[in-house]
Each structure stands twice: as C-alpha cells, then as structure tokens.
Amino acid sequence: MEVQVNINFYTVTCILLLLLNSTASLYILRKGITLNPMAYFIVFFSVQILGTFPLLDLNLDADFWHAASLAVASYTILFFCFLFYPTHRFNLMYKRWKDAPEELLSNKRLYQVIFLLGLSVVLTVLHYQIVGYNLFALSLQTNVDDFTSMRLASYAGDAHTGAGLFNQFKNTILPICYFALLIYLHAKGRMSIFWIYVAVMTPFLLYALMGSGQRAYLFFALIIFVIFMINQRKKRITLLLAFGGGFLVLFGTYSVLLGRQADEGEGLFSVIEQLYYRIFIAQQTGSTIGFRYVYNLDYKLGYEWFENFRGLIPGIKGGDLPHRVHEYIYGSYRGTVPVSLWVTAYYNFGIAGVAFIAFLWMTLLMSIFIFLLKLRKDLINRFVASALVLYCGLSVFSHPAQIFINGLFGLLFIFLIIGISRIPKTINSFTKAKPIFISSPL
C-alpha cells in the first residue's frame, strides 16, 4: 500500500501555519533552548508536520482528521507555551545552570562509570552470543542473504528473552559511558591511554550499536554527543562537522554492507537521499497509513497504551498496533510499522484526547527541564541530560511507552548506580566559574 505525495495550496498553507506555531513556541522557550526537552519535542514535531501533510489526501475522512489531529496538537502546544511556561523563572534557573562550573568526574563517579562501561560490554557480548550472530560483523565478512528476517530476530525474536534489557545497556548506557570516558581521558592529557581506548572501544561500540542491523542507535549516539557539545560554553563547530561527516560515512558504508542502498543510487547523494527518506518520509508514511487503519476502529479508551506499558515487563507481550499496521501495509504480521504519538492518542481517546495528551506531555517535559537544570554539570550528568532531551524529542514519533524502550530505563539505571548529583546551592547566578576541560582542544 502506498501513499501519494499531494502538494497544493492548501497543503502548503497548513504546513506554513503549523510551522509558524512551532516557531512561536520555540521563541517562547528560547532561553536555554538547547537543553530544553520541550524544544526538541517541537523540532521533531515540525519534522513530522513537514513529512506528513504532503502525504495526506484531505478528501479522505481519515486524512482530514489526521490533519486535524496535528493542528489540534500544534495549537495546544502553542497555548501551553504561551500561558503556562514560566519564562522568568526558567531564565533564572538556566542562568544558574549555565554559570555552574563544568566538571569532569570525581574518583568515585569515575569508577562507577568504568563499572557501567564494563558491565555494558559484558552484557553486549552475552546478548549477541545468545542471538547467535552479529549482523555488523557478518556483513563485514560476507553477504547476508536473509537480512530482514535476521534483523528482526536479533532484537525481537523468540530465540531469547530479555532483549529489551540488553538493549538498554548496549544502546544507551554503553555509548554514554564511552563518550564520558573519552572526554575524561583527553581532558586529563592521558594521550597514550586515550588512543588505546579509541582503538579498542570504538570498533566495539560500532559492533554493539549496529550488530542488530539497525542504524537508528548509531544516529542516536552521535546526536547525544552533538547535544552535549552544543551545551558546552565553548562550541566546536569543526568537531561537530567532523562528527556529521563521520555519521554520513558510517551510515552509507553500513547501508552498502547490508544491501539496503538503492540499486540505482551510489555515492554521497544516495546516502543523503536515504537519510532524507528516514527523517522526512519513512515514519510519516507509516503514521499516515496507520491513521487510516485505526480511523474506523473503536476508541480503545487507553487500553492500547496500557498494553504497551505492560509490555515493558520482560516476558509479557505488549500492544500489537505496529504489527497490525505492518500487516495492513505489507500483508505480514511479522514486522512493525510504528505510528506517531498523535495517531495512538486519537486511537485511544479521539480528537479531544489529542489535545489533552499534548497538554499533559508538555507539562511532563517542562518538569523534566526543571530536573535537568538542577543537575550538577559533571561529564556523566551532562551526557545523561543530552540523551534524555533526545529521547523526549523522539517521543513524538511513537506511543508514550517507547521512551522507555529507547533508553529511559538505561538512564534511570545510570542514576541508580552513580546517584543524582545536584548543583550546589552556593552557586548563584553571579558566579562565573571557568570550565575545567574545555580549554583543551579535542
């Protein structure tokens, strides 16, 4: 089943109007925007709007109500930001956070990060031993004939249980601890250990993140690092560009190895085209068709979300809407097509539920922002904060329980091990502390 791209005056008008709402909301949130989960959520929502509206046929009732759901969510978010975002309070909190010293790691927290890294390595190796293969390693050695089936089985197969638990360590805890120790070693000037660490751990990180055949978590890890960098006092544009270029190379190379690059496309243009498809078309297409699927079904009154949260418990099957949408599109139940937060909100609560969920979710994200602004600015806290704001932004693309699957459980486990360290109350908005490691070029 396919959707046609429809570009007309009404579509363009709707896109511009809703993007104007997003711009207005971001302007209200402008202070501390690079650390604000609400801002990331709105940015990803804007990407969703850009990709979805051209796919809608407003002559269809389902697509009309899909468009209405996006509009209701957009205006609710703008309404929330305008009336309920305490700008002055957050300005003061952000200034206090910004003026707090940027720290490395105390000896205790360093040992805890090393412990988490070591545990993640062990569990990652164990995970792929249980699965029986690592698709990234296999792809470097030979062509993988049944890639799709092996990819699905590697993270959602029946051969083993607890895949979600392993994923928290290999997809979230491992890259966060890897980056934290990378920065720590370089800042301390221990260059011999630094290069050994890079030579050993970087290939293992790629082995872990891409071993299941998914490129998304490589993307997540790199974005976490980018968010970390832009929230430092001294920005390094060259380093960010280098990471962006490195991502394109890895993304393209892995696509070729896995045979997922378009047959007619080669080179950088094809890689960019694939990246564009992944960001602006893939999820939006699934949500568009998914809304058409759920439109004529009865409202679930929250039960579908209950199933999703229940599915977070190991051994218990969660909601199957992504499987049913996959079957609706491809004729096979074996596979998933995730739909957006607004599609699942409509499916559970109707159009009024979309407005309520938008308001409730923004309230939650604002509470998370308050929490982040109180965290001590050592390395591990800042990487956890970077991951958290990314996962909050990505939550617009799926049901609410997905934020736990993406990595929230992993972040909570990090806090469980290292504790929650807050900015000392003695630091006020007039304190200007020099960063500890920024002066050392990376």
Protein backbone atom coordinates (compact mmCIF):
# COMPACT_ATOMS: atom_id res chain seq x y z
CA MET A 1 0.00 0.00 0.00
CA GLU A 2 1.38 3.37 -0.99
CA VAL A 3 0.53 6.99 -0.32
CA GLN A 4 0.75 9.68 -2.94
CA VAL A 5 2.51 12.99 -2.40
CA ASN A 6 -0.03 15.83 -2.62
CA ILE A 7 1.41 19.32 -2.84
CA ASN A 8 -1.21 22.03 -3.29
CA PHE A 9 -2.01 25.47 -1.98
CA TYR A 10 -4.00 24.15 1.00
CA THR A 11 -1.22 21.72 1.99
CA VAL A 12 1.43 24.42 1.82
CA THR A 13 -0.78 26.82 3.80
CA CYS A 14 -1.34 24.24 6.54
CA ILE A 15 2.37 23.43 6.76
CA LEU A 16 3.35 27.10 6.97
CA LEU A 17 0.69 27.84 9.57
CA LEU A 18 1.68 24.96 11.84
CA LEU A 19 5.37 25.69 11.40
CA LEU A 20 4.60 29.26 12.41
CA ASN A 21 3.05 27.84 15.58
CA SER A 22 6.21 25.85 16.20
CA THR A 23 8.40 28.90 15.61
CA ALA A 24 6.32 30.93 18.03
CA SER A 25 6.54 28.17 20.64
CA LEU A 26 10.31 27.90 20.24
CA TYR A 27 10.64 31.66 20.58
CA ILE A 28 8.83 31.49 23.92
CA LEU A 29 11.18 28.70 25.01
CA ARG A 30 14.28 30.44 23.65
CA LYS A 31 16.20 30.75 26.93
CA GLY A 32 18.09 27.52 27.46
CA ILE A 33 16.57 26.05 24.32
CA THR A 34 19.47 23.68 23.64
CA LEU A 35 18.81 21.81 26.90
CA ASN A 36 15.02 22.07 26.85
CA PRO A 37 13.16 18.78 26.16
CA MET A 38 10.09 20.79 25.11
CA ALA A 39 12.10 22.48 22.35
CA TYR A 40 13.42 19.18 20.98
CA PHE A 41 9.91 17.75 21.00
CA ILE A 42 8.64 20.74 19.00
CA VAL A 43 11.52 20.49 16.50
CA PHE A 44 10.80 16.82 15.86
CA PHE A 45 7.09 17.63 15.66
CA SER A 46 7.91 20.17 12.96
CA VAL A 47 9.77 17.47 11.03
CA GLN A 48 6.69 15.30 11.42
CA ILE A 49 4.46 18.06 10.05
CA LEU A 50 6.74 18.67 7.06
CA GLY A 51 6.73 14.99 6.14
CA THR A 52 3.09 14.16 6.87
CA PHE A 53 0.98 16.87 5.21
CA PRO A 54 2.20 16.21 1.64
CA LEU A 55 1.10 12.58 2.12
CA LEU A 56 -2.45 13.45 3.14
CA ASP A 57 -5.44 13.37 0.81
CA LEU A 58 -7.84 15.72 2.56
CA ASN A 59 -10.73 14.34 0.51
CA LEU A 60 -10.45 11.22 2.65
CA ASP A 61 -12.16 11.48 6.04
CA ALA A 62 -9.28 9.67 7.77
CA ASP A 63 -6.67 12.03 6.37
CA PHE A 64 -8.80 15.06 7.18
CA TRP A 65 -8.98 14.00 10.83
CA HIS A 66 -5.30 13.16 10.80
CA ALA A 67 -4.58 16.72 9.67
CA ALA A 68 -6.99 17.98 12.33
CA SER A 69 -5.12 15.98 14.99
CA LEU A 70 -1.81 17.56 14.01
CA ALA A 71 -3.39 21.02 14.05
CA VAL A 72 -5.00 20.44 17.46
CA ALA A 73 -1.69 19.23 18.89
CA SER A 74 0.16 22.20 17.40
CA TYR A 75 -2.24 24.82 18.79
CA THR A 76 -2.35 23.09 22.18
CA ILE A 77 1.44 23.21 22.41
CA LEU A 78 1.49 26.89 21.48
CA PHE A 79 -1.28 27.57 24.01
CA PHE A 80 0.68 25.75 26.72
CA CYS A 81 3.93 27.59 26.00
CA PHE A 82 2.22 30.97 25.94
CA LEU A 83 0.16 30.61 29.10
CA PHE A 84 1.93 28.07 31.31
CA TYR A 85 5.66 28.36 30.63
CA PRO A 86 7.12 30.47 33.49
CA THR A 87 9.68 32.32 31.36
CA HIS A 88 11.21 34.48 34.12
CA ARG A 89 11.65 31.54 36.47
CA PHE A 90 13.34 29.42 33.81
CA ASN A 91 15.57 32.31 32.77
CA LEU A 92 16.93 32.49 36.33
CA MET A 93 17.27 28.71 36.61
CA TYR A 94 19.03 28.47 33.27
CA LYS A 95 21.43 31.29 34.17
CA ARG A 96 22.29 29.48 37.40
CA TRP A 97 22.86 26.24 35.48
CA LYS A 98 24.89 27.99 32.78
CA ASP A 99 27.14 29.71 35.35
CA ALA A 100 27.77 26.50 37.27
CA PRO A 101 31.25 25.00 36.68
CA GLU A 102 31.68 22.30 34.05
CA GLU A 103 33.36 19.40 35.83
CA LEU A 104 34.98 16.12 34.93
CA LEU A 105 34.35 13.16 37.24
CA SER A 106 35.20 12.62 40.88
CA ASN A 107 37.20 9.45 41.56
CA LYS A 108 34.12 7.70 42.88
CA ARG A 109 31.97 8.59 39.87
CA LEU A 110 34.84 7.69 37.52
CA TYR A 111 34.97 4.17 38.97
CA GLN A 112 31.20 3.92 38.71
CA VAL A 113 31.27 4.93 35.03
CA ILE A 114 34.03 2.38 34.36
CA PHE A 115 31.92 -0.26 36.10
CA LEU A 116 28.90 0.62 33.95
CA LEU A 117 31.01 0.53 30.80
CA GLY A 118 32.46 -2.87 31.72
CA LEU A 119 29.02 -4.26 32.58
CA SER A 120 27.64 -2.97 29.26
CA VAL A 121 30.47 -4.65 27.36
CA VAL A 122 29.83 -7.98 29.09
CA LEU A 123 26.07 -7.85 28.53
CA THR A 124 26.51 -6.79 24.90
CA VAL A 125 28.78 -9.75 24.19
CA LEU A 126 26.36 -12.04 26.03
CA HIS A 127 23.43 -10.67 24.04
CA TYR A 128 25.00 -11.44 20.68
CA GLN A 129 26.13 -14.85 21.94
CA ILE A 130 22.53 -15.66 22.82
CA VAL A 131 21.28 -14.34 19.47
CA GLY A 132 23.93 -16.38 17.71
CA TYR A 133 25.25 -13.72 15.35
CA ASN A 134 26.13 -10.07 14.93
CA LEU A 135 24.86 -8.65 11.66
CA PHE A 136 27.52 -5.95 11.53
CA ALA A 137 30.34 -8.49 11.90
CA LEU A 138 28.66 -10.84 9.41
CA SER A 139 28.26 -8.04 6.89
CA LEU A 140 31.99 -7.31 7.01
CA GLN A 141 32.73 -10.95 6.16
CA THR A 142 30.05 -11.98 3.68
CA ASN A 143 26.74 -11.04 2.07
CA VAL A 144 23.74 -11.60 4.31
CA ASP A 145 21.03 -13.26 2.24
CA ASP A 146 18.12 -13.16 4.67
CA PHE A 147 18.93 -9.80 6.24
CA THR A 148 15.33 -8.76 7.04
CA SER A 149 14.49 -11.92 8.97
CA MET A 150 17.81 -12.00 10.79
CA ARG A 151 17.49 -8.33 11.66
CA LEU A 152 14.04 -8.83 13.17
CA ALA A 153 15.08 -11.97 15.02
CA SER A 154 18.15 -10.29 16.51
CA TYR A 155 16.11 -7.88 18.63
CA ALA A 156 12.57 -9.27 18.67
CA GLY A 157 12.92 -12.98 18.01
CA ASP A 158 11.71 -15.95 20.02
CA ALA A 159 15.20 -17.41 20.45
CA HIS A 160 15.79 -15.50 23.65
CA THR A 161 14.02 -13.28 26.15
CA GLY A 162 15.11 -10.06 27.78
CA ALA A 163 16.25 -8.38 24.55
CA GLY A 164 14.88 -5.09 25.86
CA LEU A 165 17.07 -5.35 28.97
CA PHE A 166 20.20 -5.95 26.88
CA ASN A 167 19.27 -3.08 24.57
CA GLN A 168 19.29 -0.61 27.46
CA PHE A 169 22.94 -1.43 28.09
CA LYS A 170 24.25 -1.73 24.54
CA ASN A 171 22.24 1.14 23.00
CA THR A 172 22.16 3.69 25.83
CA ILE A 173 24.50 3.01 28.76
CA LEU A 174 27.43 1.84 26.60
CA PRO A 175 27.63 4.93 24.31
CA ILE A 176 27.09 7.37 27.19
CA CYS A 177 29.89 5.82 29.27
CA TYR A 178 32.09 5.52 26.16
CA PHE A 179 31.81 9.24 25.41
CA ALA A 180 32.20 10.27 29.06
CA LEU A 181 35.46 8.33 29.43
CA LEU A 182 36.67 9.55 26.04
CA ILE A 183 36.31 13.18 27.12
CA TYR A 184 37.76 12.43 30.57
CA LEU A 185 40.94 10.79 29.24
CA HIS A 186 41.58 13.55 26.75
CA ALA A 187 40.94 16.30 29.30
CA LYS A 188 43.38 14.67 31.70
CA GLY A 189 46.03 14.54 29.00
CA ARG A 190 46.49 10.78 29.22
CA MET A 191 47.01 10.51 25.47
CA SER A 192 48.58 7.05 25.32
CA ILE A 193 45.64 5.56 27.23
CA PHE A 194 43.28 7.76 25.19
CA TRP A 195 44.43 6.34 21.84
CA ILE A 196 44.40 2.76 23.12
CA TYR A 197 40.88 3.38 24.37
CA VAL A 198 39.80 4.78 20.99
CA ALA A 199 41.40 1.90 19.08
CA VAL A 200 39.75 -0.78 21.25
CA MET A 201 36.39 0.69 22.24
CA THR A 202 35.33 2.49 19.06
CA PRO A 203 35.11 -0.71 16.95
CA PHE A 204 33.30 -2.39 19.84
CA LEU A 205 30.82 0.50 20.02
CA LEU A 206 30.04 0.04 16.31
CA TYR A 207 29.79 -3.73 16.88
CA ALA A 208 27.27 -3.12 19.67
CA LEU A 209 25.15 -0.39 18.07
CA MET A 210 24.90 -1.86 14.57
CA GLY A 211 25.02 -5.56 15.35
CA SER A 212 21.24 -5.93 15.20
CA GLY A 213 21.07 -4.37 11.73
CA GLN A 214 19.58 -1.12 12.99
CA ARG A 215 21.21 2.19 12.11
CA ALA A 216 18.97 4.28 14.37
CA TYR A 217 21.01 3.79 17.54
CA LEU A 218 24.20 4.88 15.83
CA PHE A 219 22.31 8.03 14.89
CA PHE A 220 21.07 8.43 18.48
CA ALA A 221 24.58 8.05 19.91
CA LEU A 222 26.02 10.69 17.60
CA ILE A 223 23.16 13.12 18.29
CA ILE A 224 23.70 12.65 22.03
CA PHE A 225 27.30 13.70 21.55
CA VAL A 226 26.25 16.69 19.43
CA ILE A 227 23.74 17.84 22.07
CA PHE A 228 26.47 17.50 24.69
CA MET A 229 28.82 19.65 22.60
CA ILE A 230 26.34 22.46 21.88
CA ASN A 231 25.55 22.75 25.59
CA GLN A 232 29.17 23.47 26.45
CA ARG A 233 30.30 27.03 26.88
CA LYS A 234 32.84 26.76 24.11
CA LYS A 235 31.33 25.35 20.93
CA ARG A 236 33.49 23.43 18.48
CA ILE A 237 31.97 23.73 15.04
CA THR A 238 34.79 21.80 13.37
CA LEU A 239 34.30 18.86 15.71
CA LEU A 240 30.55 18.86 15.10
CA LEU A 241 31.12 18.93 11.34
CA ALA A 242 33.58 16.07 11.68
CA PHE A 243 31.00 14.02 13.57
CA GLY A 244 28.39 14.85 10.95
CA GLY A 245 30.72 13.73 8.17
CA GLY A 246 31.65 10.61 10.09
CA PHE A 247 28.00 9.73 10.51
CA LEU A 248 27.34 10.05 6.77
CA VAL A 249 30.30 7.78 6.02
CA LEU A 250 29.21 5.14 8.55
CA PHE A 251 25.56 5.37 7.51
CA GLY A 252 26.43 4.98 3.83
CA THR A 253 29.03 2.26 4.32
CA TYR A 254 26.72 0.22 6.51
CA SER A 255 23.88 0.63 4.02
CA VAL A 256 26.09 -0.83 1.29
CA LEU A 257 27.27 -3.69 3.51
CA LEU A 258 23.71 -4.60 4.40
CA GLY A 259 22.43 -4.27 0.86
CA ARG A 260 19.95 -1.57 1.83
CA GLN A 261 21.23 1.08 -0.54
CA ALA A 262 19.09 1.76 -3.56
CA ASP A 263 20.25 -0.25 -6.57
CA GLU A 264 20.28 2.79 -8.78
CA GLY A 265 21.92 5.08 -6.23
CA GLU A 266 25.57 5.32 -5.37
CA GLY A 267 27.81 7.72 -3.55
CA LEU A 268 27.11 10.62 -1.25
CA PHE A 269 23.90 11.67 -2.97
CA SER A 270 22.34 8.26 -2.39
CA VAL A 271 23.35 8.35 1.30
CA ILE A 272 21.78 11.79 1.74
CA GLU A 273 18.68 10.61 -0.11
CA GLN A 274 18.35 7.66 2.26
CA LEU A 275 18.85 9.91 5.27
CA TYR A 276 16.17 12.27 3.94
CA TYR A 277 13.81 9.34 3.49
CA ARG A 278 14.42 8.11 7.03
CA ILE A 279 13.83 11.54 8.56
CA PHE A 280 11.03 13.04 6.47
CA ILE A 281 9.18 10.15 4.84
CA ALA A 282 9.52 6.73 6.48
CA GLN A 283 7.85 7.32 9.84
CA GLN A 284 5.38 9.83 8.42
CA THR A 285 4.24 7.33 5.78
CA GLY A 286 3.67 4.69 8.45
CA SER A 287 1.68 7.15 10.56
CA THR A 288 -0.43 8.26 7.60
CA ILE A 289 -1.42 4.73 6.68
CA GLY A 290 -1.68 3.81 10.35
CA PHE A 291 -4.22 6.58 10.93
CA ARG A 292 -6.28 5.29 8.01
CA TYR A 293 -6.19 1.86 9.64
CA VAL A 294 -7.34 3.00 13.11
CA TYR A 295 -9.82 5.61 11.88
CA ASN A 296 -12.75 3.21 11.56
CA LEU A 297 -11.90 1.25 14.70
CA ASP A 298 -13.47 1.84 18.11
CA TYR A 299 -11.60 4.03 20.56
CA LYS A 300 -9.53 1.95 22.97
CA LEU A 301 -10.00 4.36 25.90
CA GLY A 302 -6.39 3.98 26.94
CA TYR A 303 -6.24 0.18 26.86
CA GLU A 304 -3.79 0.09 23.94
CA TRP A 305 -1.40 2.32 25.89
CA PHE A 306 -1.90 0.12 28.94
CA GLU A 307 -0.83 -2.87 26.85
CA ASN A 308 2.26 -1.01 25.70
CA PHE A 309 3.32 -0.18 29.25
CA ARG A 310 2.55 -3.72 30.39
CA GLY A 311 4.78 -4.95 27.59
CA LEU A 312 7.75 -3.28 29.28
CA ILE A 313 7.71 -6.16 31.77
CA PRO A 314 10.03 -8.94 30.48
CA GLY A 315 8.11 -11.93 29.16
CA ILE A 316 4.83 -10.05 28.68
CA LYS A 317 3.71 -9.15 25.17
CA GLY A 318 2.79 -5.52 24.69
CA GLY A 319 0.41 -3.80 22.31
CA ASP A 320 0.42 -5.06 18.73
CA LEU A 321 -0.73 -1.97 16.80
CA PRO A 322 2.65 -1.61 14.96
CA HIS A 323 2.35 -5.27 13.91
CA ARG A 324 -1.23 -4.80 12.71
CA VAL A 325 -0.29 -1.70 10.72
CA HIS A 326 2.60 -3.66 9.20
CA GLU A 327 0.15 -6.40 8.20
CA TYR A 328 -2.25 -3.77 6.81
CA ILE A 329 0.53 -2.37 4.61
CA TYR A 330 2.61 -5.42 3.69
CA GLY A 331 0.30 -8.35 4.36
CA SER A 332 2.57 -9.80 7.04
CA TYR A 333 2.12 -9.55 10.80
CA ARG A 334 5.83 -10.28 11.30
CA GLY A 335 7.28 -6.80 11.42
CA THR A 336 6.46 -3.39 12.84
CA VAL A 337 5.41 -0.01 11.47
CA PRO A 338 5.38 2.45 14.40
CA VAL A 339 2.83 5.25 14.25
CA SER A 340 3.06 8.70 15.81
CA LEU A 341 2.05 9.85 19.28
CA TRP A 342 -0.94 11.66 17.78
CA VAL A 343 -2.17 8.59 15.90
CA THR A 344 -2.07 6.49 19.06
CA ALA A 345 -3.65 9.33 21.07
CA TYR A 346 -6.52 9.53 18.57
CA TYR A 347 -6.87 5.74 18.54
CA ASN A 348 -7.14 5.66 22.32
CA PHE A 349 -9.03 8.88 23.14
CA GLY A 350 -10.27 10.60 19.97
CA ILE A 351 -9.57 14.16 18.86
CA ALA A 352 -10.18 15.59 22.35
CA GLY A 353 -7.63 13.13 23.67
CA VAL A 354 -5.02 14.53 21.27
CA ALA A 355 -5.38 17.97 22.87
CA PHE A 356 -5.27 16.53 26.38
CA ILE A 357 -2.21 14.37 25.66
CA ALA A 358 -0.38 17.32 24.04
CA PHE A 359 -1.02 19.43 27.14
CA LEU A 360 -0.09 16.61 29.53
CA TRP A 361 3.06 15.73 27.63
CA MET A 362 4.28 19.32 27.58
CA THR A 363 3.69 19.52 31.33
CA LEU A 364 5.81 16.41 31.79
CA LEU A 365 8.59 17.75 29.56
CA MET A 366 8.61 21.03 31.48
CA SER A 367 9.08 19.05 34.71
CA ILE A 368 11.99 17.18 33.13
CA PHE A 369 13.56 20.52 32.16
CA ILE A 370 13.36 21.66 35.79
CA PHE A 371 15.09 18.44 36.83
CA LEU A 372 17.89 18.89 34.27
CA LEU A 373 18.57 22.47 35.34
CA LYS A 374 19.25 21.24 38.86
CA LEU A 375 21.82 18.60 37.87
CA ARG A 376 25.47 19.08 38.66
CA LYS A 377 27.41 19.66 35.45
CA ASP A 378 29.86 16.80 35.56
CA LEU A 379 30.51 14.64 32.50
CA ILE A 380 28.13 11.78 33.17
CA ASN A 381 25.25 14.06 34.18
CA ARG A 382 25.62 16.14 31.02
CA PHE A 383 25.67 13.08 28.78
CA VAL A 384 22.62 11.65 30.55
CA ALA A 385 20.87 15.02 30.13
CA SER A 386 21.77 15.03 26.42
CA ALA A 387 20.30 11.55 25.97
CA LEU A 388 17.18 12.44 27.92
CA VAL A 389 16.33 15.51 25.84
CA LEU A 390 16.86 13.46 22.66
CA TYR A 391 14.54 10.68 23.84
CA CYS A 392 11.95 13.29 24.85
CA GLY A 393 12.08 14.78 21.37
CA LEU A 394 11.76 11.39 19.70
CA SER A 395 8.67 10.59 21.78
CA VAL A 396 6.53 12.42 19.19
CA PHE A 397 7.11 9.51 16.80
CA SER A 398 5.53 6.72 18.83
CA HIS A 399 3.40 5.76 21.84
CA PRO A 400 4.45 7.04 25.29
CA ALA A 401 5.98 3.73 26.41
CA GLN A 402 8.52 3.96 23.58
CA ILE A 403 10.60 6.50 25.51
CA PHE A 404 11.39 3.71 27.99
CA ILE A 405 12.30 1.33 25.16
CA ASN A 406 14.52 3.92 23.50
CA GLY A 407 16.65 4.22 26.60
CA LEU A 408 14.93 5.82 29.59
CA PHE A 409 15.36 2.66 31.64
CA GLY A 410 19.09 2.84 30.92
CA LEU A 411 19.27 6.44 32.09
CA LEU A 412 17.42 5.57 35.29
CA PHE A 413 19.88 2.72 35.89
CA ILE A 414 22.81 5.13 35.50
CA PHE A 415 21.28 7.37 38.16
CA LEU A 416 20.68 4.31 40.32
CA ILE A 417 24.39 3.43 40.22
CA ILE A 418 26.04 6.87 40.33
CA GLY A 419 23.32 8.76 42.20
CA ILE A 420 21.72 12.10 41.39
CA SER A 421 24.20 14.91 41.97
CA ARG A 422 22.73 18.41 42.02
CA ILE A 423 24.29 21.84 41.58
CA PRO A 424 25.45 23.11 44.99
CA LYS A 425 23.17 25.77 46.38
CA THR A 426 26.16 28.01 47.00
CA ILE A 427 26.42 28.60 43.24
CA ASN A 428 24.33 31.55 42.23
CA SER A 429 23.67 33.40 39.03
CA PHE A 430 26.56 35.79 39.65
CA THR A 431 29.17 33.05 39.94
CA LYS A 432 31.38 32.78 36.87
CA ALA A 433 33.34 29.53 37.04
CA LYS A 434 35.78 28.51 34.36
CA PRO A 435 35.16 25.17 32.65
CA ILE A 436 37.65 22.54 33.65
CA PHE A 437 38.35 20.76 30.38
CA ILE A 438 37.00 22.96 27.60
CA SER A 439 40.31 24.76 27.16
CA SER A 440 41.91 21.54 25.99
CA PRO A 441 41.10 21.10 22.27
CA LEU A 442 39.52 17.78 21.40
